[in-house]
Amino acid sequence: MSPRIVPDDEDGRAAAVAVLRAGGIVAMPTDTVYGIGVALDAPGGVERLFRAKRRPPDRGIAVLLHSVDQAASIGEIGPAAGALAAACWPGGLTIVVRQRADVTLPAALSGDTDTIGLRVPDHPAPRALARVVGPLPTTSANVSGLPEATDAAGIVAQLGDDVDLVLDGGPAHGGPASTVVDCSGPLPVVLRVGAIPVERLAGILDAAAIGHDLGR
């Protein structure tokens, strides 16, 4: 049985919200490729994402957010993370921070660490869903080892009924993956170079008089 495909409009997003609230998996457009996401509080939801991708849960899944403010609901946002988020979100920057000790998150979300990767994407669809449902654990819409699906048909071809609903926003925008910066330790460190140049990030931290280890 194939997943339901709906346009990325007001009605389609309402349908996606209903599926997420029921514990289902939704494929959605982002500012790069399509992603598949679940509600953060869906029992076994993160594990379902791993099964859909046919990969072992050996690394964490990023969480897409509606806003900078929503990040603080699940992560410890220190000065470095706060400065980078304020300057680069929405956009192609994933910030790794420590999970809040007073918030219980799915054990599978971050593997064997106490950190979590957060991003506010520069696309209205995931932000709209996260605004209503809450932070969304999300990973690329493809089977592990295969190219990312670039449209609704590609998602269905790869993932089939492992996805409950596809929010069809047309062909994916593509482009580089997000830059990943780890702000969970004493100094921010680049884990992956991507959409946002390291030089820009270093400049943001320098302007805020925040020490870092970017590009050194």
N, C-alpha and C. Protein backbone atom coordinates (compact mmCIF):
# COMPACT_ATOMS: atom_id res chain seq x y z
N MET A 1 0.84 -1.19 0.00
CA MET A 1 0.00 0.00 0.00
C MET A 1 0.88 1.25 0.00
N SER A 2 0.63 2.14 -0.93
CA SER A 2 1.43 3.36 -1.05
C SER A 2 0.97 4.41 -0.05
N PRO A 3 1.89 5.30 0.36
CA PRO A 3 1.48 6.38 1.27
C PRO A 3 0.58 7.38 0.56
N ARG A 4 -0.17 8.09 1.34
CA ARG A 4 -1.01 9.17 0.82
C ARG A 4 -0.12 10.34 0.43
N ILE A 5 -0.37 10.92 -0.74
CA ILE A 5 0.38 12.09 -1.21
C ILE A 5 -0.55 13.28 -1.25
N VAL A 6 -0.16 14.36 -0.58
CA VAL A 6 -0.98 15.57 -0.53
C VAL A 6 -0.12 16.78 -0.89
N PRO A 7 -0.72 17.82 -1.45
CA PRO A 7 0.07 19.01 -1.78
C PRO A 7 0.58 19.70 -0.52
N ASP A 8 1.70 20.38 -0.66
CA ASP A 8 2.23 21.17 0.45
C ASP A 8 1.50 22.51 0.49
N ASP A 9 0.27 22.45 1.01
CA ASP A 9 -0.53 23.66 1.20
C ASP A 9 -1.17 23.58 2.59
N GLU A 10 -2.07 24.49 2.88
CA GLU A 10 -2.64 24.54 4.23
C GLU A 10 -3.34 23.24 4.59
N ASP A 11 -4.14 22.70 3.66
CA ASP A 11 -4.85 21.45 3.93
C ASP A 11 -3.87 20.28 4.05
N GLY A 12 -2.86 20.26 3.18
CA GLY A 12 -1.88 19.19 3.23
C GLY A 12 -1.10 19.19 4.53
N ARG A 13 -0.73 20.37 4.99
CA ARG A 13 0.00 20.46 6.25
C ARG A 13 -0.88 20.06 7.43
N ALA A 14 -2.17 20.37 7.37
CA ALA A 14 -3.09 19.92 8.41
C ALA A 14 -3.18 18.40 8.44
N ALA A 15 -3.19 17.78 7.27
CA ALA A 15 -3.21 16.32 7.20
C ALA A 15 -1.91 15.74 7.75
N ALA A 16 -0.79 16.40 7.45
CA ALA A 16 0.50 15.94 7.95
C ALA A 16 0.55 16.04 9.48
N VAL A 17 0.02 17.11 10.02
CA VAL A 17 -0.03 17.27 11.47
C VAL A 17 -0.82 16.13 12.11
N ALA A 18 -1.95 15.79 11.49
CA ALA A 18 -2.78 14.70 12.04
C ALA A 18 -2.02 13.38 12.03
N VAL A 19 -1.28 13.11 10.96
CA VAL A 19 -0.51 11.87 10.88
C VAL A 19 0.60 11.87 11.93
N LEU A 20 1.29 12.98 12.08
CA LEU A 20 2.37 13.06 13.08
C LEU A 20 1.82 12.88 14.49
N ARG A 21 0.71 13.51 14.76
CA ARG A 21 0.12 13.38 16.10
C ARG A 21 -0.35 11.95 16.39
N ALA A 22 -0.64 11.21 15.33
CA ALA A 22 -1.06 9.81 15.50
C ALA A 22 0.13 8.86 15.56
N GLY A 23 1.35 9.41 15.49
CA GLY A 23 2.54 8.58 15.58
C GLY A 23 3.10 8.13 14.25
N GLY A 24 2.58 8.67 13.14
CA GLY A 24 3.03 8.25 11.82
C GLY A 24 4.25 8.99 11.33
N ILE A 25 4.78 8.52 10.18
CA ILE A 25 5.94 9.14 9.54
C ILE A 25 5.45 9.99 8.36
N VAL A 26 5.95 11.20 8.29
CA VAL A 26 5.61 12.12 7.21
C VAL A 26 6.88 12.48 6.44
N ALA A 27 6.81 12.40 5.11
CA ALA A 27 7.88 12.91 4.26
C ALA A 27 7.53 14.35 3.90
N MET A 28 8.53 15.23 4.01
CA MET A 28 8.28 16.67 3.81
C MET A 28 9.43 17.32 3.07
N PRO A 29 9.13 18.36 2.30
CA PRO A 29 10.22 19.10 1.66
C PRO A 29 10.97 19.93 2.69
N THR A 30 12.26 20.11 2.45
CA THR A 30 13.05 21.03 3.26
C THR A 30 13.82 21.95 2.31
N ASP A 31 14.72 22.73 2.87
CA ASP A 31 15.49 23.66 2.04
C ASP A 31 16.60 22.96 1.27
N THR A 32 16.80 21.65 1.51
CA THR A 32 17.79 20.90 0.73
C THR A 32 17.09 19.73 0.04
N VAL A 33 17.01 18.58 0.72
CA VAL A 33 16.33 17.41 0.17
C VAL A 33 15.05 17.15 0.95
N TYR A 34 14.30 16.15 0.53
CA TYR A 34 13.15 15.74 1.32
C TYR A 34 13.62 15.01 2.58
N GLY A 35 12.85 15.17 3.65
CA GLY A 35 13.14 14.46 4.87
C GLY A 35 11.94 13.65 5.30
N ILE A 36 12.18 12.66 6.17
CA ILE A 36 11.08 11.95 6.82
C ILE A 36 11.18 12.23 8.31
N GLY A 37 10.04 12.56 8.91
CA GLY A 37 10.04 12.95 10.30
C GLY A 37 8.90 12.34 11.08
N VAL A 38 9.06 12.36 12.39
CA VAL A 38 8.04 11.87 13.32
C VAL A 38 7.92 12.88 14.45
N ALA A 39 6.82 12.79 15.19
CA ALA A 39 6.68 13.61 16.39
C ALA A 39 7.68 13.13 17.44
N LEU A 40 8.22 14.07 18.18
CA LEU A 40 9.23 13.75 19.18
C LEU A 40 8.70 12.80 20.25
N ASP A 41 7.41 12.94 20.57
CA ASP A 41 6.84 12.12 21.64
C ASP A 41 6.12 10.87 21.13
N ALA A 42 6.30 10.55 19.84
CA ALA A 42 5.66 9.34 19.29
C ALA A 42 6.37 8.10 19.81
N PRO A 43 5.68 7.20 20.51
CA PRO A 43 6.34 5.99 21.02
C PRO A 43 6.97 5.18 19.88
N GLY A 44 8.25 4.93 19.97
CA GLY A 44 8.94 4.16 18.95
C GLY A 44 9.12 4.89 17.63
N GLY A 45 8.84 6.18 17.60
CA GLY A 45 8.90 6.92 16.33
C GLY A 45 10.28 7.00 15.73
N VAL A 46 11.28 7.31 16.55
CA VAL A 46 12.65 7.41 16.04
C VAL A 46 13.12 6.06 15.52
N GLU A 47 12.78 5.00 16.23
CA GLU A 47 13.14 3.66 15.77
C GLU A 47 12.49 3.36 14.42
N ARG A 48 11.27 3.83 14.20
CA ARG A 48 10.61 3.64 12.91
C ARG A 48 11.39 4.34 11.79
N LEU A 49 11.95 5.52 12.08
CA LEU A 49 12.74 6.21 11.07
C LEU A 49 13.94 5.37 10.65
N PHE A 50 14.62 4.80 11.63
CA PHE A 50 15.77 3.95 11.31
C PHE A 50 15.35 2.74 10.48
N ARG A 51 14.23 2.13 10.85
CA ARG A 51 13.77 0.97 10.09
C ARG A 51 13.40 1.36 8.67
N ALA A 52 12.77 2.52 8.50
CA ALA A 52 12.39 2.97 7.16
C ALA A 52 13.62 3.16 6.27
N LYS A 53 14.72 3.63 6.87
CA LYS A 53 15.94 3.86 6.11
C LYS A 53 16.79 2.59 5.95
N ARG A 54 16.38 1.50 6.64
CA ARG A 54 17.14 0.25 6.59
C ARG A 54 18.59 0.46 7.04
N ARG A 55 18.75 1.12 8.15
CA ARG A 55 20.10 1.30 8.68
C ARG A 55 20.07 1.11 10.18
N PRO A 56 21.17 0.66 10.77
CA PRO A 56 21.22 0.51 12.23
C PRO A 56 21.28 1.88 12.90
N PRO A 57 20.78 1.98 14.12
CA PRO A 57 20.78 3.27 14.82
C PRO A 57 22.15 3.61 15.38
N ASP A 58 23.12 3.82 14.48
CA ASP A 58 24.50 4.03 14.92
C ASP A 58 24.88 5.49 15.04
N ARG A 59 24.00 6.38 14.65
CA ARG A 59 24.29 7.80 14.81
C ARG A 59 22.99 8.55 14.98
N GLY A 60 23.09 9.72 15.58
CA GLY A 60 21.89 10.46 15.95
C GLY A 60 21.13 11.02 14.76
N ILE A 61 19.91 11.39 15.01
CA ILE A 61 19.04 12.02 14.02
C ILE A 61 18.87 13.48 14.39
N ALA A 62 19.00 14.37 13.42
CA ALA A 62 18.80 15.79 13.69
C ALA A 62 17.33 16.08 13.97
N VAL A 63 17.12 17.18 14.66
CA VAL A 63 15.76 17.60 15.01
C VAL A 63 15.49 18.95 14.34
N LEU A 64 14.43 19.01 13.54
CA LEU A 64 14.04 20.26 12.88
C LEU A 64 13.09 21.03 13.78
N LEU A 65 13.25 22.35 13.79
CA LEU A 65 12.53 23.21 14.72
C LEU A 65 11.78 24.30 13.98
N HIS A 66 10.85 24.91 14.70
CA HIS A 66 10.12 26.05 14.17
C HIS A 66 10.91 27.35 14.33
N SER A 67 11.64 27.48 15.44
CA SER A 67 12.27 28.75 15.76
C SER A 67 13.44 28.55 16.71
N VAL A 68 14.22 29.62 16.89
CA VAL A 68 15.30 29.60 17.87
C VAL A 68 14.75 29.33 19.26
N ASP A 69 13.62 29.93 19.59
CA ASP A 69 13.04 29.74 20.92
C ASP A 69 12.72 28.27 21.20
N GLN A 70 12.28 27.55 20.18
CA GLN A 70 11.92 26.14 20.37
C GLN A 70 13.14 25.29 20.70
N ALA A 71 14.32 25.73 20.26
CA ALA A 71 15.54 24.97 20.54
C ALA A 71 15.77 24.83 22.04
N ALA A 72 15.48 25.89 22.77
CA ALA A 72 15.73 25.87 24.21
C ALA A 72 14.79 24.94 24.96
N SER A 73 13.75 24.45 24.29
CA SER A 73 12.82 23.54 24.97
C SER A 73 13.41 22.15 25.13
N ILE A 74 14.45 21.81 24.34
CA ILE A 74 15.04 20.47 24.44
C ILE A 74 16.55 20.49 24.56
N GLY A 75 17.20 21.62 24.28
CA GLY A 75 18.65 21.68 24.31
C GLY A 75 19.17 22.79 25.19
N GLU A 76 20.42 22.65 25.64
CA GLU A 76 21.08 23.68 26.42
C GLU A 76 21.75 24.65 25.45
N ILE A 77 21.16 25.82 25.31
CA ILE A 77 21.63 26.79 24.32
C ILE A 77 22.55 27.80 25.01
N GLY A 78 23.86 27.54 24.92
CA GLY A 78 24.84 28.43 25.50
C GLY A 78 25.12 29.63 24.62
N PRO A 79 26.07 30.47 25.01
CA PRO A 79 26.36 31.69 24.23
C PRO A 79 26.74 31.43 22.78
N ALA A 80 27.59 30.43 22.54
CA ALA A 80 28.03 30.15 21.17
C ALA A 80 26.86 29.66 20.32
N ALA A 81 26.13 28.68 20.83
CA ALA A 81 24.98 28.17 20.08
C ALA A 81 23.95 29.27 19.85
N GLY A 82 23.73 30.10 20.86
CA GLY A 82 22.75 31.17 20.71
C GLY A 82 23.15 32.18 19.66
N ALA A 83 24.44 32.54 19.62
CA ALA A 83 24.91 33.51 18.63
C ALA A 83 24.81 32.95 17.22
N LEU A 84 25.21 31.71 17.04
CA LEU A 84 25.15 31.10 15.71
C LEU A 84 23.71 30.91 15.25
N ALA A 85 22.83 30.48 16.16
CA ALA A 85 21.43 30.28 15.80
C ALA A 85 20.77 31.60 15.41
N ALA A 86 21.04 32.64 16.17
CA ALA A 86 20.42 33.94 15.88
C ALA A 86 20.85 34.48 14.53
N ALA A 87 22.09 34.19 14.14
CA ALA A 87 22.62 34.73 12.88
C ALA A 87 22.30 33.85 11.67
N CYS A 88 22.16 32.54 11.88
CA CYS A 88 22.11 31.61 10.74
C CYS A 88 20.79 30.88 10.57
N TRP A 89 19.90 30.96 11.51
CA TRP A 89 18.60 30.30 11.39
C TRP A 89 17.53 31.29 10.99
N PRO A 90 16.61 30.91 10.11
CA PRO A 90 16.54 29.65 9.37
C PRO A 90 17.70 29.55 8.37
N GLY A 91 18.21 28.34 8.21
CA GLY A 91 19.28 28.15 7.25
C GLY A 91 20.02 26.86 7.43
N GLY A 92 21.12 26.73 6.68
CA GLY A 92 21.84 25.48 6.57
C GLY A 92 22.88 25.27 7.65
N LEU A 93 22.49 25.39 8.89
CA LEU A 93 23.39 25.15 10.01
C LEU A 93 22.72 24.24 11.03
N THR A 94 23.37 23.11 11.31
CA THR A 94 22.94 22.22 12.39
C THR A 94 23.86 22.45 13.57
N ILE A 95 23.28 22.71 14.73
CA ILE A 95 24.05 23.00 15.94
C ILE A 95 23.87 21.85 16.92
N VAL A 96 24.98 21.25 17.32
CA VAL A 96 24.95 20.16 18.29
C VAL A 96 25.12 20.75 19.69
N VAL A 97 24.17 20.45 20.56
CA VAL A 97 24.20 20.94 21.94
C VAL A 97 23.90 19.78 22.89
N ARG A 98 24.09 20.01 24.16
CA ARG A 98 23.71 18.99 25.14
C ARG A 98 22.20 19.00 25.33
N GLN A 99 21.64 17.83 25.52
CA GLN A 99 20.22 17.74 25.81
C GLN A 99 19.94 18.33 27.19
N ARG A 100 18.78 18.92 27.33
CA ARG A 100 18.38 19.41 28.65
C ARG A 100 18.18 18.23 29.60
N ALA A 101 18.77 18.33 30.78
CA ALA A 101 18.71 17.23 31.74
C ALA A 101 17.30 17.02 32.28
N ASP A 102 16.48 18.07 32.23
CA ASP A 102 15.13 17.97 32.80
C ASP A 102 14.08 17.58 31.76
N VAL A 103 14.52 17.24 30.55
CA VAL A 103 13.59 16.85 29.49
C VAL A 103 13.93 15.42 29.05
N THR A 104 12.93 14.55 29.06
CA THR A 104 13.15 13.17 28.63
C THR A 104 12.95 13.06 27.12
N LEU A 105 13.99 12.61 26.43
CA LEU A 105 13.93 12.46 24.98
C LEU A 105 14.12 10.98 24.63
N PRO A 106 13.66 10.56 23.46
CA PRO A 106 13.82 9.15 23.06
C PRO A 106 15.28 8.73 23.10
N ALA A 107 15.55 7.58 23.69
CA ALA A 107 16.92 7.11 23.83
C ALA A 107 17.60 6.94 22.48
N ALA A 108 16.83 6.57 21.46
CA ALA A 108 17.40 6.32 20.14
C ALA A 108 17.76 7.60 19.39
N LEU A 109 17.35 8.75 19.92
CA LEU A 109 17.52 10.00 19.18
C LEU A 109 18.98 10.35 18.95
N SER A 110 19.82 10.15 19.96
CA SER A 110 21.21 10.56 19.87
C SER A 110 22.20 9.43 20.07
N GLY A 111 21.74 8.20 19.95
CA GLY A 111 22.64 7.08 20.14
C GLY A 111 23.12 7.01 21.58
N ASP A 112 24.43 6.90 21.75
CA ASP A 112 24.98 6.75 23.10
C ASP A 112 25.54 8.05 23.65
N THR A 113 25.10 9.19 23.12
CA THR A 113 25.57 10.49 23.62
C THR A 113 24.44 11.21 24.33
N ASP A 114 24.80 12.33 24.98
CA ASP A 114 23.78 13.17 25.60
C ASP A 114 23.62 14.48 24.85
N THR A 115 24.00 14.44 23.56
CA THR A 115 23.89 15.63 22.73
C THR A 115 22.80 15.45 21.68
N ILE A 116 22.44 16.56 21.05
CA ILE A 116 21.38 16.54 20.06
C ILE A 116 21.67 17.59 18.99
N GLY A 117 21.41 17.25 17.72
CA GLY A 117 21.62 18.19 16.63
C GLY A 117 20.32 18.91 16.30
N LEU A 118 20.37 20.24 16.27
CA LEU A 118 19.18 21.06 16.07
C LEU A 118 19.35 21.95 14.85
N ARG A 119 18.23 22.18 14.13
CA ARG A 119 18.27 23.09 12.97
C ARG A 119 16.90 23.67 12.72
N VAL A 120 16.87 24.95 12.36
CA VAL A 120 15.66 25.59 11.85
C VAL A 120 15.84 25.72 10.34
N PRO A 121 15.13 24.91 9.54
CA PRO A 121 15.35 24.92 8.09
C PRO A 121 14.75 26.15 7.43
N ASP A 122 15.33 26.52 6.30
CA ASP A 122 14.83 27.66 5.53
C ASP A 122 13.77 27.20 4.54
N HIS A 123 12.74 26.56 5.09
CA HIS A 123 11.59 26.12 4.30
C HIS A 123 10.37 26.16 5.21
N PRO A 124 9.26 26.70 4.71
CA PRO A 124 8.10 26.87 5.58
C PRO A 124 7.41 25.58 6.02
N ALA A 125 7.52 24.50 5.24
CA ALA A 125 6.78 23.28 5.56
C ALA A 125 7.22 22.66 6.89
N PRO A 126 8.50 22.29 7.04
CA PRO A 126 8.88 21.70 8.33
C PRO A 126 8.72 22.66 9.49
N ARG A 127 8.92 23.96 9.26
CA ARG A 127 8.73 24.92 10.35
C ARG A 127 7.27 24.97 10.78
N ALA A 128 6.36 24.92 9.80
CA ALA A 128 4.93 24.94 10.13
C ALA A 128 4.53 23.70 10.92
N LEU A 129 5.05 22.54 10.53
CA LEU A 129 4.73 21.31 11.24
C LEU A 129 5.30 21.34 12.65
N ALA A 130 6.55 21.80 12.79
CA ALA A 130 7.18 21.86 14.12
C ALA A 130 6.49 22.88 15.02
N ARG A 131 5.95 23.93 14.44
CA ARG A 131 5.24 24.92 15.26
C ARG A 131 4.04 24.31 15.95
N VAL A 132 3.36 23.40 15.26
CA VAL A 132 2.14 22.79 15.80
C VAL A 132 2.45 21.53 16.60
N VAL A 133 3.30 20.67 16.07
CA VAL A 133 3.55 19.35 16.67
C VAL A 133 4.68 19.39 17.68
N GLY A 134 5.61 20.31 17.51
CA GLY A 134 6.81 20.34 18.33
C GLY A 134 8.02 19.92 17.53
N PRO A 135 9.21 19.90 18.15
CA PRO A 135 10.44 19.51 17.44
C PRO A 135 10.28 18.17 16.74
N LEU A 136 10.82 18.09 15.50
CA LEU A 136 10.62 16.91 14.67
C LEU A 136 11.94 16.19 14.39
N PRO A 137 12.17 15.01 14.99
CA PRO A 137 13.30 14.19 14.56
C PRO A 137 13.14 13.87 13.07
N THR A 138 14.16 14.19 12.29
CA THR A 138 14.04 14.10 10.83
C THR A 138 15.35 13.59 10.23
N THR A 139 15.21 12.76 9.21
CA THR A 139 16.38 12.29 8.46
C THR A 139 16.02 12.29 6.98
N SER A 140 17.00 12.18 6.12
CA SER A 140 16.74 12.28 4.68
C SER A 140 15.83 11.15 4.21
N ALA A 141 15.01 11.46 3.20
CA ALA A 141 13.99 10.52 2.71
C ALA A 141 14.58 9.58 1.67
N ASN A 142 15.35 8.62 2.16
CA ASN A 142 15.94 7.63 1.25
C ASN A 142 16.34 6.40 2.05
N VAL A 143 16.48 5.30 1.36
CA VAL A 143 17.05 4.11 1.97
C VAL A 143 18.55 4.32 2.09
N SER A 144 19.10 3.93 3.23
CA SER A 144 20.52 4.13 3.48
C SER A 144 21.35 3.55 2.34
N GLY A 145 22.27 4.36 1.81
CA GLY A 145 23.13 3.91 0.72
C GLY A 145 22.63 4.28 -0.65
N LEU A 146 21.38 4.72 -0.76
CA LEU A 146 20.82 5.15 -2.04
C LEU A 146 20.75 6.67 -2.08
N PRO A 147 20.68 7.26 -3.29
CA PRO A 147 20.59 8.72 -3.39
C PRO A 147 19.31 9.24 -2.73
N GLU A 148 19.38 10.46 -2.20
CA GLU A 148 18.20 11.06 -1.61
C GLU A 148 17.10 11.22 -2.66
N ALA A 149 15.88 10.90 -2.27
CA ALA A 149 14.74 11.09 -3.17
C ALA A 149 14.52 12.59 -3.39
N THR A 150 14.26 12.97 -4.63
CA THR A 150 14.13 14.39 -4.96
C THR A 150 12.69 14.83 -5.19
N ASP A 151 11.74 13.87 -5.17
CA ASP A 151 10.34 14.24 -5.34
C ASP A 151 9.47 13.15 -4.73
N ALA A 152 8.15 13.37 -4.76
CA ALA A 152 7.22 12.45 -4.12
C ALA A 152 7.31 11.05 -4.71
N ALA A 153 7.42 10.97 -6.04
CA ALA A 153 7.50 9.65 -6.68
C ALA A 153 8.74 8.88 -6.23
N GLY A 154 9.85 9.59 -6.09
CA GLY A 154 11.08 8.95 -5.64
C GLY A 154 10.98 8.45 -4.21
N ILE A 155 10.28 9.20 -3.37
CA ILE A 155 10.09 8.78 -1.99
C ILE A 155 9.27 7.50 -1.93
N VAL A 156 8.19 7.46 -2.69
CA VAL A 156 7.34 6.27 -2.71
C VAL A 156 8.12 5.07 -3.26
N ALA A 157 8.92 5.30 -4.30
CA ALA A 157 9.68 4.20 -4.91
C ALA A 157 10.67 3.60 -3.92
N GLN A 158 11.30 4.45 -3.10
CA GLN A 158 12.31 3.95 -2.17
C GLN A 158 11.71 3.44 -0.86
N LEU A 159 10.79 4.17 -0.31
CA LEU A 159 10.34 3.91 1.06
C LEU A 159 8.97 3.24 1.15
N GLY A 160 8.18 3.34 0.08
CA GLY A 160 6.88 2.66 0.05
C GLY A 160 6.03 2.96 1.26
N ASP A 161 5.41 1.92 1.83
CA ASP A 161 4.47 2.14 2.93
C ASP A 161 5.15 2.29 4.29
N ASP A 162 6.49 2.41 4.30
CA ASP A 162 7.16 2.79 5.54
C ASP A 162 6.88 4.26 5.88
N VAL A 163 6.40 4.99 4.90
CA VAL A 163 5.98 6.38 5.11
C VAL A 163 4.45 6.43 5.04
N ASP A 164 3.85 7.18 5.96
CA ASP A 164 2.38 7.23 6.01
C ASP A 164 1.80 8.33 5.13
N LEU A 165 2.54 9.43 4.95
CA LEU A 165 2.04 10.55 4.15
C LEU A 165 3.22 11.30 3.56
N VAL A 166 3.06 11.73 2.31
CA VAL A 166 4.07 12.55 1.64
C VAL A 166 3.48 13.94 1.40
N LEU A 167 4.15 14.94 1.93
CA LEU A 167 3.77 16.32 1.70
C LEU A 167 4.53 16.78 0.46
N ASP A 168 3.81 16.89 -0.65
CA ASP A 168 4.43 17.10 -1.97
C ASP A 168 4.64 18.59 -2.24
N GLY A 169 5.92 18.99 -2.17
CA GLY A 169 6.27 20.38 -2.46
C GLY A 169 6.99 20.54 -3.78
N GLY A 170 6.87 19.54 -4.67
CA GLY A 170 7.57 19.60 -5.94
C GLY A 170 9.00 19.12 -5.80
N PRO A 171 9.79 19.28 -6.85
CA PRO A 171 11.18 18.80 -6.81
C PRO A 171 11.96 19.45 -5.66
N ALA A 172 12.84 18.67 -5.05
CA ALA A 172 13.66 19.19 -3.95
C ALA A 172 14.60 20.27 -4.47
N HIS A 173 14.88 21.24 -3.60
CA HIS A 173 15.76 22.34 -3.98
C HIS A 173 17.19 21.87 -4.18
N GLY A 174 17.58 20.83 -3.45
CA GLY A 174 18.95 20.33 -3.55
C GLY A 174 19.93 21.26 -2.86
N GLY A 175 21.17 21.20 -3.28
CA GLY A 175 22.19 22.03 -2.65
C GLY A 175 22.94 21.27 -1.58
N PRO A 176 23.96 21.90 -1.01
CA PRO A 176 24.80 21.22 -0.02
C PRO A 176 24.05 20.96 1.27
N ALA A 177 24.49 19.93 1.98
CA ALA A 177 23.93 19.65 3.30
C ALA A 177 24.33 20.76 4.26
N SER A 178 23.68 20.76 5.41
CA SER A 178 23.98 21.80 6.39
C SER A 178 25.39 21.65 6.95
N THR A 179 25.97 22.78 7.30
CA THR A 179 27.20 22.75 8.10
C THR A 179 26.82 22.32 9.51
N VAL A 180 27.66 21.51 10.13
CA VAL A 180 27.38 21.03 11.49
C VAL A 180 28.47 21.54 12.43
N VAL A 181 28.05 22.22 13.49
CA VAL A 181 28.97 22.74 14.48
C VAL A 181 28.59 22.17 15.85
N ASP A 182 29.57 21.62 16.53
CA ASP A 182 29.36 21.06 17.87
C ASP A 182 29.63 22.14 18.91
N CYS A 183 28.58 22.56 19.59
CA CYS A 183 28.69 23.57 20.64
C CYS A 183 28.50 22.96 22.02
N SER A 184 28.68 21.65 22.13
CA SER A 184 28.42 20.97 23.39
C SER A 184 29.63 20.95 24.32
N GLY A 185 30.81 21.31 23.78
CA GLY A 185 32.03 21.26 24.58
C GLY A 185 32.54 22.64 24.94
N PRO A 186 33.78 22.72 25.41
CA PRO A 186 34.34 24.01 25.83
C PRO A 186 34.45 25.02 24.69
N LEU A 187 34.78 24.54 23.47
CA LEU A 187 34.90 25.42 22.31
C LEU A 187 34.11 24.84 21.14
N PRO A 188 33.39 25.67 20.38
CA PRO A 188 32.69 25.18 19.20
C PRO A 188 33.67 24.59 18.18
N VAL A 189 33.27 23.45 17.60
CA VAL A 189 34.11 22.74 16.63
C VAL A 189 33.25 22.37 15.42
N VAL A 190 33.81 22.49 14.21
CA VAL A 190 33.10 22.09 13.00
C VAL A 190 33.19 20.58 12.83
N LEU A 191 32.02 19.94 12.70
CA LEU A 191 31.98 18.50 12.44
C LEU A 191 31.79 18.20 10.96
N ARG A 192 31.13 19.10 10.24
CA ARG A 192 30.92 18.91 8.80
C ARG A 192 30.83 20.26 8.13
N VAL A 193 31.58 20.43 7.07
CA VAL A 193 31.51 21.66 6.28
C VAL A 193 30.39 21.50 5.26
N GLY A 194 29.51 22.50 5.16
CA GLY A 194 28.37 22.39 4.26
C GLY A 194 27.92 23.74 3.75
N ALA A 195 26.63 24.00 3.89
CA ALA A 195 26.00 25.15 3.24
C ALA A 195 26.54 26.49 3.71
N ILE A 196 26.88 26.61 4.97
CA ILE A 196 27.35 27.90 5.50
C ILE A 196 28.86 27.84 5.69
N PRO A 197 29.60 28.76 5.08
CA PRO A 197 31.06 28.72 5.17
C PRO A 197 31.55 28.85 6.61
N VAL A 198 32.60 28.14 6.92
CA VAL A 198 33.17 28.19 8.26
C VAL A 198 33.64 29.60 8.59
N GLU A 199 34.13 30.31 7.59
CA GLU A 199 34.63 31.67 7.83
C GLU A 199 33.52 32.58 8.36
N ARG A 200 32.31 32.39 7.83
CA ARG A 200 31.18 33.20 8.32
C ARG A 200 30.88 32.87 9.78
N LEU A 201 30.90 31.59 10.11
CA LEU A 201 30.60 31.19 11.49
C LEU A 201 31.67 31.73 12.44
N ALA A 202 32.93 31.63 12.03
CA ALA A 202 34.01 32.16 12.86
C ALA A 202 33.84 33.66 13.07
N GLY A 203 33.43 34.36 12.02
CA GLY A 203 33.22 35.80 12.14
C GLY A 203 32.11 36.15 13.11
N ILE A 204 31.03 35.35 13.10
CA ILE A 204 29.92 35.58 14.03
C ILE A 204 30.39 35.43 15.47
N LEU A 205 31.17 34.39 15.73
CA LEU A 205 31.65 34.17 17.10
C LEU A 205 32.70 35.21 17.49
N ASP A 206 33.56 35.59 16.56
CA ASP A 206 34.54 36.63 16.85
C ASP A 206 33.85 37.94 17.21
N ALA A 207 32.81 38.29 16.45
CA ALA A 207 32.10 39.55 16.71
C ALA A 207 31.43 39.53 18.08
N ALA A 208 31.05 38.34 18.54
CA ALA A 208 30.42 38.22 19.85
C ALA A 208 31.43 37.97 20.96
N ALA A 209 32.72 37.99 20.62
CA ALA A 209 33.80 37.75 21.58
C ALA A 209 33.66 36.40 22.26
N ILE A 210 33.31 35.39 21.45
CA ILE A 210 33.14 34.02 21.95
C ILE A 210 34.27 33.17 21.38
N GLY A 211 35.01 32.52 22.24
CA GLY A 211 36.10 31.67 21.79
C GLY A 211 35.60 30.48 21.00
N HIS A 212 36.44 29.99 20.07
CA HIS A 212 36.03 28.86 19.23
C HIS A 212 37.25 28.15 18.66
N ASP A 213 37.01 27.03 18.02
CA ASP A 213 38.06 26.26 17.36
C ASP A 213 37.62 25.98 15.92
N LEU A 214 37.08 26.98 15.26
CA LEU A 214 36.59 26.83 13.90
C LEU A 214 37.71 27.18 12.91
N GLY A 215 38.04 26.22 12.08
CA GLY A 215 38.99 26.49 11.02
C GLY A 215 40.41 26.67 11.51
N ARG A 216 40.70 26.21 12.71
CA ARG A 216 42.06 26.38 13.22
C ARG A 216 42.82 25.07 13.16
